[in-house]
């Protein structure tokens, strides 16, 4: 399966991405996504609580934040790495 590696390129609902024989890979991909999402949600909740304990309104600060070029590059790399892990799970190699 050869798919784009940029997470922003995946919103193409008309494109057939999986065949009927891909169900095991789909299951692995869903579990990978669930794990990744839980880690992020858990860490975000802890971070918000720590910041609130120190008088910082994280929600407002995050909504207003604009990443610099270095951080945006890191976010892009991390996004691509996540897509690679999910595609590996779909392909049965991860």
N, C-alpha and C. Protein backbone atom coordinates (compact mmCIF):
# COMPACT_ATOMS: atom_id res chain seq x y z
N UNK A 1 0.84 -1.17 0.00
CA UNK A 1 0.00 0.00 0.00
C UNK A 1 0.89 1.23 0.00
N UNK A 2 0.77 2.05 -1.00
CA UNK A 2 1.58 3.25 -1.12
C UNK A 2 0.69 4.47 -0.94
N UNK A 3 0.77 5.07 0.24
CA UNK A 3 -0.05 6.23 0.55
C UNK A 3 0.83 7.42 0.85
N UNK A 4 0.32 8.63 0.75
CA UNK A 4 1.10 9.81 1.10
C UNK A 4 1.53 9.77 2.56
N UNK A 5 2.66 10.36 2.87
CA UNK A 5 3.19 10.32 4.23
C UNK A 5 2.84 11.59 5.01
N UNK A 6 2.24 12.57 4.36
CA UNK A 6 1.86 13.81 5.02
C UNK A 6 0.46 13.64 5.57
N UNK A 7 0.28 13.78 6.90
CA UNK A 7 -1.04 13.54 7.50
C UNK A 7 -2.14 14.43 6.94
N UNK A 8 -1.79 15.58 6.40
CA UNK A 8 -2.82 16.48 5.85
C UNK A 8 -3.32 16.01 4.50
N UNK A 9 -2.70 15.01 3.90
CA UNK A 9 -3.10 14.53 2.58
C UNK A 9 -4.06 13.34 2.65
N UNK A 10 -4.51 12.96 3.84
CA UNK A 10 -5.31 11.75 3.98
C UNK A 10 -6.81 11.98 3.91
N UNK A 11 -7.26 13.20 3.85
CA UNK A 11 -8.69 13.47 3.85
C UNK A 11 -9.23 13.41 2.43
N UNK A 12 -9.29 12.18 1.90
CA UNK A 12 -9.82 11.94 0.56
C UNK A 12 -10.82 10.79 0.63
N UNK A 13 -12.05 11.08 1.07
CA UNK A 13 -13.01 10.00 1.30
C UNK A 13 -13.40 9.21 0.06
N UNK A 14 -13.21 9.76 -1.13
CA UNK A 14 -13.60 9.03 -2.33
C UNK A 14 -12.56 8.00 -2.76
N UNK A 15 -11.36 8.07 -2.19
CA UNK A 15 -10.29 7.14 -2.55
C UNK A 15 -10.45 5.82 -1.80
N UNK A 16 -10.44 4.70 -2.52
CA UNK A 16 -10.49 3.39 -1.86
C UNK A 16 -9.12 3.11 -1.27
N UNK A 17 -9.07 2.91 0.04
CA UNK A 17 -7.79 2.74 0.72
C UNK A 17 -7.55 1.29 1.14
N UNK A 18 -8.60 0.52 1.37
CA UNK A 18 -8.44 -0.81 1.91
C UNK A 18 -9.23 -1.83 1.11
N UNK A 19 -8.70 -3.02 1.06
CA UNK A 19 -9.46 -4.12 0.45
C UNK A 19 -10.05 -4.97 1.57
N UNK A 20 -10.90 -5.90 1.20
CA UNK A 20 -11.55 -6.77 2.20
C UNK A 20 -10.54 -7.60 2.98
N UNK A 21 -9.37 -7.83 2.42
CA UNK A 21 -8.37 -8.66 3.10
C UNK A 21 -7.53 -7.86 4.10
N UNK A 22 -7.80 -6.57 4.24
CA UNK A 22 -7.00 -5.71 5.12
C UNK A 22 -7.53 -5.59 6.54
N UNK A 23 -8.51 -6.39 6.93
CA UNK A 23 -9.18 -6.21 8.22
C UNK A 23 -8.23 -6.35 9.42
N UNK A 24 -7.27 -7.27 9.37
CA UNK A 24 -6.31 -7.40 10.47
C UNK A 24 -5.46 -6.14 10.59
N UNK A 25 -5.03 -5.62 9.47
CA UNK A 25 -4.25 -4.38 9.48
C UNK A 25 -5.07 -3.21 10.01
N UNK A 26 -6.34 -3.18 9.66
CA UNK A 26 -7.21 -2.12 10.16
C UNK A 26 -7.32 -2.21 11.68
N UNK A 27 -7.48 -3.41 12.17
CA UNK A 27 -7.55 -3.60 13.62
C UNK A 27 -6.28 -3.12 14.30
N UNK A 28 -5.12 -3.48 13.76
CA UNK A 28 -3.85 -3.02 14.33
C UNK A 28 -3.75 -1.50 14.27
N UNK A 29 -4.18 -0.92 13.15
CA UNK A 29 -4.12 0.53 13.00
C UNK A 29 -5.02 1.23 14.01
N UNK A 30 -6.22 0.71 14.20
CA UNK A 30 -7.14 1.31 15.16
C UNK A 30 -6.55 1.24 16.57
N UNK A 31 -5.97 0.11 16.93
CA UNK A 31 -5.36 -0.02 18.25
C UNK A 31 -4.17 0.91 18.40
N UNK A 32 -3.37 1.08 17.34
CA UNK A 32 -2.25 2.01 17.37
C UNK A 32 -2.76 3.43 17.59
N UNK A 33 -3.79 3.80 16.87
CA UNK A 33 -4.36 5.14 17.03
C UNK A 33 -4.94 5.34 18.43
N UNK A 34 -5.62 4.35 18.94
CA UNK A 34 -6.17 4.45 20.30
C UNK A 34 -5.06 4.66 21.32
N UNK A 35 -3.99 3.91 21.18
CA UNK A 35 -2.86 4.05 22.10
C UNK A 35 -2.27 5.45 22.01
N UNK A 36 -1.99 5.90 20.80
CA UNK A 36 -1.41 7.23 20.62
C UNK A 36 -2.33 8.32 21.16
N UNK A 37 -3.61 8.20 20.89
CA UNK A 37 -4.56 9.21 21.36
C UNK A 37 -4.63 9.22 22.88
N UNK A 38 -4.65 8.05 23.50
CA UNK A 38 -4.72 8.01 24.96
C UNK A 38 -3.47 8.65 25.59
N UNK A 39 -2.30 8.37 25.05
CA UNK A 39 -1.07 8.97 25.58
C UNK A 39 -1.17 10.49 25.51
N UNK A 40 -1.63 11.01 24.40
CA UNK A 40 -1.76 12.46 24.25
C UNK A 40 -2.79 13.03 25.21
N UNK A 41 -3.95 12.39 25.31
CA UNK A 41 -5.00 12.88 26.20
C UNK A 41 -4.54 12.84 27.65
N UNK A 42 -3.88 11.78 28.05
CA UNK A 42 -3.39 11.64 29.41
C UNK A 42 -2.37 12.73 29.73
N UNK A 43 -1.41 12.90 28.85
CA UNK A 43 -0.37 13.91 29.09
C UNK A 43 -0.95 15.32 29.07
N UNK A 44 -1.91 15.58 28.20
CA UNK A 44 -2.52 16.90 28.13
C UNK A 44 -3.29 17.21 29.42
N UNK A 45 -4.02 16.24 29.92
CA UNK A 45 -4.76 16.45 31.17
C UNK A 45 -3.82 16.73 32.33
N UNK A 46 -2.72 15.98 32.40
CA UNK A 46 -1.73 16.21 33.46
C UNK A 46 -1.09 17.58 33.31
N UNK A 47 -0.71 17.92 32.10
CA UNK A 47 -0.09 19.22 31.86
C UNK A 47 -1.03 20.37 32.23
N UNK A 48 -2.28 20.28 31.81
CA UNK A 48 -3.24 21.32 32.15
C UNK A 48 -3.43 21.44 33.65
N UNK A 49 -3.47 20.32 34.35
CA UNK A 49 -3.63 20.35 35.81
C UNK A 49 -2.41 20.99 36.48
N UNK A 50 -1.21 20.63 36.03
CA UNK A 50 0.01 21.20 36.59
C UNK A 50 0.05 22.71 36.35
N UNK A 51 -0.28 23.11 35.14
CA UNK A 51 -0.27 24.54 34.83
C UNK A 51 -1.34 25.28 35.63
N UNK A 52 -2.53 24.71 35.74
CA UNK A 52 -3.59 25.35 36.52
C UNK A 52 -3.17 25.51 37.98
N UNK A 53 -2.48 24.49 38.52
CA UNK A 53 -1.98 24.58 39.90
C UNK A 53 -0.99 25.72 40.06
N UNK A 54 -0.38 26.13 38.95
CA UNK A 54 0.59 27.23 38.98
C UNK A 54 0.01 28.52 38.40
N UNK A 55 -1.30 28.60 38.31
CA UNK A 55 -1.97 29.83 37.91
C UNK A 55 -1.93 30.13 36.42
N UNK A 56 -1.72 29.13 35.57
CA UNK A 56 -1.65 29.35 34.12
C UNK A 56 -2.87 28.74 33.46
N UNK A 57 -3.61 29.55 32.71
CA UNK A 57 -4.76 29.09 31.95
C UNK A 57 -4.26 28.50 30.64
N UNK A 58 -3.98 27.22 30.63
CA UNK A 58 -3.38 26.56 29.46
C UNK A 58 -4.30 26.59 28.24
N UNK A 59 -5.58 26.41 28.45
CA UNK A 59 -6.49 26.35 27.30
C UNK A 59 -6.43 27.64 26.48
N UNK A 60 -6.50 28.77 27.13
CA UNK A 60 -6.43 30.06 26.43
C UNK A 60 -5.07 30.25 25.77
N UNK A 61 -4.01 29.91 26.50
CA UNK A 61 -2.66 30.08 25.97
C UNK A 61 -2.43 29.19 24.75
N UNK A 62 -2.92 27.96 24.79
CA UNK A 62 -2.74 27.03 23.67
C UNK A 62 -3.53 27.52 22.46
N UNK A 63 -4.75 27.99 22.68
CA UNK A 63 -5.58 28.47 21.57
C UNK A 63 -4.91 29.65 20.85
N UNK A 64 -4.18 30.48 21.58
CA UNK A 64 -3.56 31.67 21.00
C UNK A 64 -2.15 31.42 20.47
N UNK A 65 -1.57 30.28 20.77
CA UNK A 65 -0.17 30.01 20.44
C UNK A 65 0.05 29.81 18.94
N UNK A 66 1.14 30.38 18.43
CA UNK A 66 1.57 30.19 17.05
C UNK A 66 2.99 29.62 17.08
N UNK A 67 3.20 28.39 16.59
CA UNK A 67 4.54 27.80 16.66
C UNK A 67 5.53 28.52 15.74
N UNK A 68 6.80 28.57 16.20
CA UNK A 68 7.84 29.11 15.33
C UNK A 68 8.25 28.03 14.33
N UNK A 69 9.15 28.37 13.43
CA UNK A 69 9.53 27.45 12.35
C UNK A 69 10.12 26.14 12.89
N UNK A 70 10.95 26.23 13.92
CA UNK A 70 11.58 25.02 14.47
C UNK A 70 10.53 24.09 15.07
N UNK A 71 9.60 24.64 15.83
CA UNK A 71 8.56 23.80 16.41
C UNK A 71 7.65 23.24 15.32
N UNK A 72 7.32 24.04 14.32
CA UNK A 72 6.48 23.54 13.24
C UNK A 72 7.16 22.40 12.50
N UNK A 73 8.47 22.51 12.30
CA UNK A 73 9.22 21.41 11.67
C UNK A 73 9.14 20.15 12.52
N UNK A 74 9.29 20.30 13.83
CA UNK A 74 9.21 19.15 14.73
C UNK A 74 7.81 18.53 14.68
N UNK A 75 6.79 19.37 14.71
CA UNK A 75 5.42 18.86 14.63
C UNK A 75 5.19 18.11 13.32
N UNK A 76 5.71 18.65 12.23
CA UNK A 76 5.58 17.98 10.94
C UNK A 76 6.29 16.62 10.95
N UNK A 77 7.51 16.57 11.51
CA UNK A 77 8.25 15.29 11.59
C UNK A 77 7.49 14.29 12.45
N UNK A 78 6.98 14.75 13.60
CA UNK A 78 6.25 13.86 14.49
C UNK A 78 4.97 13.34 13.82
N UNK A 79 4.30 14.21 13.06
CA UNK A 79 3.10 13.79 12.34
C UNK A 79 3.42 12.73 11.30
N UNK A 80 4.52 12.94 10.58
CA UNK A 80 4.93 11.93 9.58
C UNK A 80 5.29 10.62 10.25
N UNK A 81 5.96 10.67 11.41
CA UNK A 81 6.34 9.45 12.12
C UNK A 81 5.09 8.69 12.57
N UNK A 82 4.08 9.41 13.02
CA UNK A 82 2.83 8.76 13.42
C UNK A 82 2.18 8.07 12.23
N UNK A 83 2.14 8.76 11.10
CA UNK A 83 1.57 8.17 9.89
C UNK A 83 2.35 6.91 9.51
N UNK A 84 3.67 6.96 9.60
CA UNK A 84 4.50 5.79 9.28
C UNK A 84 4.14 4.61 10.18
N UNK A 85 3.97 4.86 11.49
CA UNK A 85 3.61 3.78 12.41
C UNK A 85 2.25 3.18 12.07
N UNK A 86 1.31 4.05 11.70
CA UNK A 86 -0.03 3.56 11.36
C UNK A 86 0.02 2.76 10.06
N UNK A 87 0.75 3.28 9.07
CA UNK A 87 0.87 2.54 7.81
C UNK A 87 1.59 1.22 8.02
N UNK A 88 2.57 1.18 8.89
CA UNK A 88 3.24 -0.09 9.20
C UNK A 88 2.27 -1.08 9.81
N UNK A 89 1.41 -0.60 10.70
CA UNK A 89 0.41 -1.49 11.29
C UNK A 89 -0.55 -2.00 10.22
N UNK A 90 -0.95 -1.11 9.32
CA UNK A 90 -1.86 -1.54 8.24
C UNK A 90 -1.20 -2.57 7.32
N UNK A 91 0.09 -2.41 7.11
CA UNK A 91 0.81 -3.32 6.22
C UNK A 91 1.28 -4.59 6.91
N UNK A 92 1.07 -4.68 8.23
CA UNK A 92 1.50 -5.85 8.98
C UNK A 92 2.98 -5.89 9.27
N UNK A 93 3.66 -4.76 9.15
CA UNK A 93 5.10 -4.72 9.41
C UNK A 93 5.42 -4.02 10.72
N UNK A 94 4.43 -3.56 11.41
CA UNK A 94 4.68 -2.81 12.64
C UNK A 94 4.05 -3.41 13.84
